[in-house]
Amino acid sequence: MPTERENFLDVSFDVLPVDRLVSRIEAVSSDTPFQYLVTPNVDHLVRLHRRGADVPGLAEAYRSADLCVCDSKVLARLAKWRGVTLPVITGSDLT
C-alpha cells in the first residue's frame, strides 16, 4: 500500500503518522517478500551525499527501501525551512 512521499535532499521520505506506520509493519506476514525500513538522520544524509560514491549501493539501499521515515528533529526542521514537512519517527521509538 503506497504512502505519500516527500523528497528532501534527494531522499524520498514516507509521510505518515506513527500509528499508520506501525499498522503497515504489523501487516507484514511471513508470506511477504523481504522488506526493510530506513530511518535517515542528518548523519546518514551527510554520508549519502559526501561518500555515497565511496560506499557502493548506499544510495540504492535508500531508494529501494519499502519505507523511509525521518529519524531526526534537526533534519525535520531543516526540511521545514525548505517547505517540506517530515514527521519525526525515530528508529529507537519505533522499535
C-alpha atoms as a PDB file:
ATOM      1  CA  MET A   1       0.000   0.000   0.000  1.00  0.00           C
ATOM      2  CA  PRO A   2       1.750   3.182  -1.204  1.00  0.00           C
ATOM      3  CA  THR A   3       2.113   6.195   1.039  1.00  0.00           C
ATOM      4  CA  GLU A   4       2.523   9.875   0.358  1.00  0.00           C
ATOM      5  CA  ARG A   5       6.183  10.752  -0.088  1.00  0.00           C
ATOM      6  CA  GLU A   6       8.124  13.979   0.247  1.00  0.00           C
ATOM      7  CA  ASN A   7      11.503  14.431  -1.383  1.00  0.00           C
ATOM      8  CA  PHE A   8      14.169  16.206   0.649  1.00  0.00           C
ATOM      9  CA  LEU A   9      17.864  16.227  -0.232  1.00  0.00           C
ATOM     10  CA  ASP A  10      17.308  13.527  -2.850  1.00  0.00           C
ATOM     11  CA  VAL A  11      15.710  11.101  -0.386  1.00  0.00           C
ATOM     12  CA  SER A  12      12.017  10.177  -0.631  1.00  0.00           C
ATOM     13  CA  PHE A  13      10.516  10.147   2.855  1.00  0.00           C
ATOM     14  CA  ASP A  14       7.206   8.471   3.653  1.00  0.00           C
ATOM     15  CA  VAL A  15       4.903  10.978   5.295  1.00  0.00           C
ATOM     16  CA  LEU A  16       2.556   9.103   7.585  1.00  0.00           C
ATOM     17  CA  PRO A  17       1.646   9.175  11.260  1.00  0.00           C
ATOM     18  CA  VAL A  18       3.288   6.667  13.571  1.00  0.00           C
ATOM     19  CA  ASP A  19       0.067   4.670  14.066  1.00  0.00           C
ATOM     20  CA  ARG A  20      -0.224   4.092  10.300  1.00  0.00           C
ATOM     21  CA  LEU A  21       3.441   3.151  10.107  1.00  0.00           C
ATOM     22  CA  VAL A  22       3.034   0.614  12.899  1.00  0.00           C
ATOM     23  CA  SER A  23      -0.072  -0.793  11.181  1.00  0.00           C
ATOM     24  CA  ARG A  24       1.918  -1.216   7.956  1.00  0.00           C
ATOM     25  CA  ILE A  25       4.675  -3.028   9.811  1.00  0.00           C
ATOM     26  CA  GLU A  26       2.210  -5.259  11.657  1.00  0.00           C
ATOM     27  CA  ALA A  27       0.551  -6.173   8.364  1.00  0.00           C
ATOM     28  CA  VAL A  28       3.762  -7.764   7.046  1.00  0.00           C
ATOM     29  CA  SER A  29       3.368 -11.526   7.122  1.00  0.00           C
ATOM     30  CA  SER A  30       5.770 -14.399   6.687  1.00  0.00           C
ATOM     31  CA  ASP A  31       4.354 -14.752   3.143  1.00  0.00           C
ATOM     32  CA  THR A  32       5.542 -11.244   2.286  1.00  0.00           C
ATOM     33  CA  PRO A  33       8.819 -10.952   0.371  1.00  0.00           C
ATOM     34  CA  PHE A  34      11.765  -9.339   2.162  1.00  0.00           C
ATOM     35  CA  GLN A  35      11.082  -5.701   3.067  1.00  0.00           C
ATOM     36  CA  TYR A  36      13.013  -3.106   5.018  1.00  0.00           C
ATOM     37  CA  LEU A  37      12.603   0.325   6.520  1.00  0.00           C
ATOM     38  CA  VAL A  38      15.246   3.059   6.778  1.00  0.00           C
ATOM     39  CA  THR A  39      15.277   5.878   9.317  1.00  0.00           C
ATOM     40  CA  PRO A  40      17.656   8.537   7.962  1.00  0.00           C
ATOM     41  CA  ASN A  41      19.036  11.221  10.226  1.00  0.00           C
ATOM     42  CA  VAL A  42      21.379  14.121   9.454  1.00  0.00           C
ATOM     43  CA  ASP A  43      24.479  11.931   9.662  1.00  0.00           C
ATOM     44  CA  HIS A  44      23.005   9.440   7.183  1.00  0.00           C
ATOM     45  CA  LEU A  45      22.245  12.179   4.658  1.00  0.00           C
ATOM     46  CA  VAL A  46      25.720  13.712   5.008  1.00  0.00           C
ATOM     47  CA  ARG A  47      27.256  10.279   4.420  1.00  0.00           C
ATOM     48  CA  LEU A  48      24.917   9.669   1.499  1.00  0.00           C
ATOM     49  CA  HIS A  49      25.881  12.912  -0.209  1.00  0.00           C
ATOM     50  CA  ARG A  50      29.549  13.054   0.732  1.00  0.00           C
ATOM     51  CA  ARG A  51      30.524   9.436   0.494  1.00  0.00           C
ATOM     52  CA  GLY A  52      27.722   7.841  -1.453  1.00  0.00           C
ATOM     53  CA  ALA A  53      30.103   7.181  -4.302  1.00  0.00           C
ATOM     54  CA  ASP A  54      32.584   5.636  -1.853  1.00  0.00           C
ATOM     55  CA  VAL A  55      30.027   3.226  -0.418  1.00  0.00           C
ATOM     56  CA  PRO A  56      28.726   1.073  -3.274  1.00  0.00           C
ATOM     57  CA  GLY A  57      24.997   0.546  -3.083  1.00  0.00           C
ATOM     58  CA  LEU A  58      24.304   3.126  -0.351  1.00  0.00           C
ATOM     59  CA  ALA A  59      22.068   5.363  -2.458  1.00  0.00           C
ATOM     60  CA  GLU A  60      20.328   2.327  -3.954  1.00  0.00           C
ATOM     61  CA  ALA A  61      19.666   0.938  -0.467  1.00  0.00           C
ATOM     62  CA  TYR A  62      17.793   4.120   0.421  1.00  0.00           C
ATOM     63  CA  ARG A  63      15.922   4.201  -2.898  1.00  0.00           C
ATOM     64  CA  SER A  64      14.889   0.553  -2.600  1.00  0.00           C
ATOM     65  CA  ALA A  65      13.639   0.713   0.989  1.00  0.00           C
ATOM     66  CA  ASP A  66       9.955  -0.105   1.364  1.00  0.00           C
ATOM     67  CA  LEU A  67       9.573   2.646   3.926  1.00  0.00           C
ATOM     68  CA  CYS A  68      11.722   5.668   4.740  1.00  0.00           C
ATOM     69  CA  VAL A  69      10.907   7.830   7.767  1.00  0.00           C
ATOM     70  CA  CYS A  70      12.726  10.807   9.255  1.00  0.00           C
ATOM     71  CA  ASP A  71      14.669   9.955  12.411  1.00  0.00           C
ATOM     72  CA  SER A  72      15.764  13.469  13.321  1.00  0.00           C
ATOM     73  CA  LYS A  73      14.181  16.628  14.702  1.00  0.00           C
ATOM     74  CA  VAL A  74      17.109  18.559  13.234  1.00  0.00           C
ATOM     75  CA  LEU A  75      16.502  17.082   9.782  1.00  0.00           C
ATOM     76  CA  ALA A  76      12.764  17.787  10.082  1.00  0.00           C
ATOM     77  CA  ARG A  77      13.499  21.424  10.988  1.00  0.00           C
ATOM     78  CA  LEU A  78      15.862  21.836   8.031  1.00  0.00           C
ATOM     79  CA  ALA A  79      13.201  20.351   5.750  1.00  0.00           C
ATOM     80  CA  LYS A  80      10.557  22.700   7.150  1.00  0.00           C
ATOM     81  CA  TRP A  81      12.760  25.683   6.276  1.00  0.00           C
ATOM     82  CA  ARG A  82      12.597  24.385   2.696  1.00  0.00           C
ATOM     83  CA  GLY A  83       8.796  23.993   2.843  1.00  0.00           C
ATOM     84  CA  VAL A  84       8.822  20.216   3.354  1.00  0.00           C
ATOM     85  CA  THR A  85       7.016  18.692   6.335  1.00  0.00           C
ATOM     86  CA  LEU A  86       8.572  15.479   7.625  1.00  0.00           C
ATOM     87  CA  PRO A  87       7.049  13.786  10.663  1.00  0.00           C
ATOM     88  CA  VAL A  88       9.746  12.570  13.046  1.00  0.00           C
ATOM     89  CA  ILE A  89       9.547   8.855  13.837  1.00  0.00           C
ATOM     90  CA  THR A  90      12.774   7.789  15.464  1.00  0.00           C
ATOM     91  CA  GLY A  91      14.048   4.262  14.997  1.00  0.00           C
ATOM     92  CA  SER A  92      14.502   3.867  18.758  1.00  0.00           C
ATOM     93  CA  ASP A  93      10.876   4.887  19.424  1.00  0.00           C
ATOM     94  CA  LEU A  94       9.677   2.623  16.644  1.00  0.00           C
ATOM     95  CA  THR A  95      11.449  -0.449  17.985  1.00  0.00           C
END
